[in-house]
């Protein structure tokens, strides 16, 4: 839970987890506090590579418990996206396990 202001400026309590949006902020030791814009523009590739190599959120397929989508049609779309990822992974078994973790809210509400 957290606090935010609504469109009228009133402070309200809000459960941000319901937005299905998560943010990751790497520790300051791994990222850089401030890079002047002109410096970043001149060495963009270097800074972007540093960020990519040091500040990514790393996880394994085993870390994923569920991939929840709104409806069964969205499940099919996600399956297609997972199939397109095949070139990035050497083991198709991992991608099949990932597909097995897809559930739709539509099927859950229908089944329970």
Protein backbone atom coordinates (compact mmCIF):
# COMPACT_ATOMS: atom_id res chain seq x y z
CA UNK A 1 0.00 0.00 0.00
CA UNK A 2 1.08 3.53 -0.63
CA UNK A 3 -0.20 7.07 -0.92
CA UNK A 4 -0.83 9.05 -4.06
CA UNK A 5 -2.86 12.00 -5.23
CA UNK A 6 -5.95 11.55 -7.36
CA UNK A 7 -6.78 13.81 -10.33
CA UNK A 8 -8.40 16.31 -7.93
CA UNK A 9 -5.26 16.55 -5.79
CA UNK A 10 -6.68 14.56 -2.85
CA UNK A 11 -4.35 12.10 -1.14
CA UNK A 12 -5.60 8.52 -1.35
CA UNK A 13 -4.32 5.10 -0.32
CA UNK A 14 -3.58 2.77 -3.20
CA UNK A 15 -2.46 -0.84 -3.55
CA UNK A 16 0.11 -0.44 -6.32
CA UNK A 17 0.45 -4.24 -6.69
CA UNK A 18 -2.97 -4.25 -8.36
CA UNK A 19 -1.55 -2.30 -11.28
CA UNK A 20 0.45 -5.38 -12.34
CA UNK A 21 3.40 -3.08 -12.77
CA UNK A 22 6.67 -3.67 -11.00
CA UNK A 23 9.79 -1.53 -10.93
CA UNK A 24 13.37 -2.56 -10.40
CA UNK A 25 15.94 -0.09 -9.17
CA UNK A 26 19.51 -1.41 -9.10
CA UNK A 27 21.65 -0.50 -6.14
CA UNK A 28 23.61 2.72 -6.44
CA UNK A 29 26.88 0.77 -6.26
CA UNK A 30 25.98 -1.02 -9.50
CA UNK A 31 24.48 1.96 -11.30
CA UNK A 32 25.68 5.51 -11.69
CA UNK A 33 24.09 8.32 -9.73
CA UNK A 34 24.22 10.99 -12.41
CA UNK A 35 25.56 11.16 -15.92
CA UNK A 36 25.37 14.57 -17.60
CA UNK A 37 23.28 14.39 -20.78
CA UNK A 38 26.05 15.67 -23.05
CA UNK A 39 28.48 13.08 -21.63
CA UNK A 40 25.95 10.30 -22.15
CA UNK A 41 25.31 11.36 -25.73
CA UNK A 42 29.01 11.35 -26.63
CA UNK A 43 29.66 7.93 -25.03
CA UNK A 44 26.16 6.45 -25.36
CA UNK A 45 27.26 2.94 -26.34
CA UNK A 46 29.72 2.73 -23.44
CA UNK A 47 27.15 3.91 -20.86
CA UNK A 48 24.40 1.72 -22.28
CA UNK A 49 26.67 -1.33 -22.27
CA UNK A 50 27.67 -0.64 -18.67
CA UNK A 51 24.02 -0.40 -17.63
CA UNK A 52 23.12 -3.55 -19.57
CA UNK A 53 25.96 -5.56 -18.04
CA UNK A 54 25.71 -4.30 -14.44
CA UNK A 55 22.15 -3.22 -13.73
CA UNK A 56 19.88 -5.85 -15.28
CA UNK A 57 17.43 -7.76 -13.18
CA UNK A 58 18.61 -11.32 -13.60
CA UNK A 59 16.36 -14.32 -13.12
CA UNK A 60 15.97 -17.88 -14.30
CA UNK A 61 12.97 -19.64 -15.79
CA UNK A 62 12.69 -21.51 -12.49
CA UNK A 63 12.06 -18.17 -10.74
CA UNK A 64 8.80 -17.71 -12.65
CA UNK A 65 5.78 -19.30 -10.98
CA UNK A 66 2.99 -18.01 -13.24
CA UNK A 67 2.48 -15.83 -16.29
CA UNK A 68 -1.02 -14.46 -15.83
CA UNK A 69 -2.94 -13.00 -18.75
CA UNK A 70 -6.46 -11.59 -18.97
CA UNK A 71 -8.12 -14.11 -21.28
CA UNK A 72 -7.53 -17.27 -23.28
CA UNK A 73 -6.86 -15.30 -26.47
CA UNK A 74 -4.03 -13.48 -24.70
CA UNK A 75 -2.61 -16.89 -23.76
CA UNK A 76 -2.31 -17.75 -27.45
CA UNK A 77 -0.60 -14.42 -28.15
CA UNK A 78 1.88 -15.09 -25.33
CA UNK A 79 2.55 -18.61 -26.64
CA UNK A 80 3.44 -17.10 -30.02
CA UNK A 81 5.79 -14.62 -28.35
CA UNK A 82 7.48 -17.43 -26.40
CA UNK A 83 7.89 -19.44 -29.63
CA UNK A 84 9.61 -16.43 -31.24
CA UNK A 85 12.10 -16.36 -28.35
CA UNK A 86 13.47 -19.78 -29.38
CA UNK A 87 16.45 -18.30 -31.21
CA UNK A 88 17.64 -16.65 -27.98
CA UNK A 89 17.66 -19.89 -25.98
CA UNK A 90 19.44 -23.16 -26.58
CA UNK A 91 16.98 -25.38 -24.75
CA UNK A 92 13.44 -25.55 -26.14
CA UNK A 93 12.48 -27.45 -22.96
CA UNK A 94 12.81 -24.18 -21.00
CA UNK A 95 10.37 -22.47 -23.35
CA UNK A 96 7.87 -25.32 -23.06
CA UNK A 97 8.07 -25.11 -19.27
CA UNK A 98 7.47 -21.37 -19.55
CA UNK A 99 4.33 -22.01 -21.64
CA UNK A 100 3.08 -24.40 -18.98
CA UNK A 101 3.12 -21.53 -16.48
CA UNK A 102 0.68 -19.40 -18.51
CA UNK A 103 -2.80 -19.12 -17.01
CA UNK A 104 -5.64 -16.80 -17.90
CA UNK A 105 -7.93 -15.04 -15.45
CA UNK A 106 -10.78 -16.02 -17.76
CA UNK A 107 -10.10 -19.75 -17.29
CA UNK A 108 -9.55 -19.37 -13.54
CA UNK A 109 -12.87 -17.55 -13.09
CA UNK A 110 -14.61 -20.17 -15.25
CA UNK A 111 -13.06 -23.13 -13.40
CA UNK A 112 -13.33 -21.95 -9.81
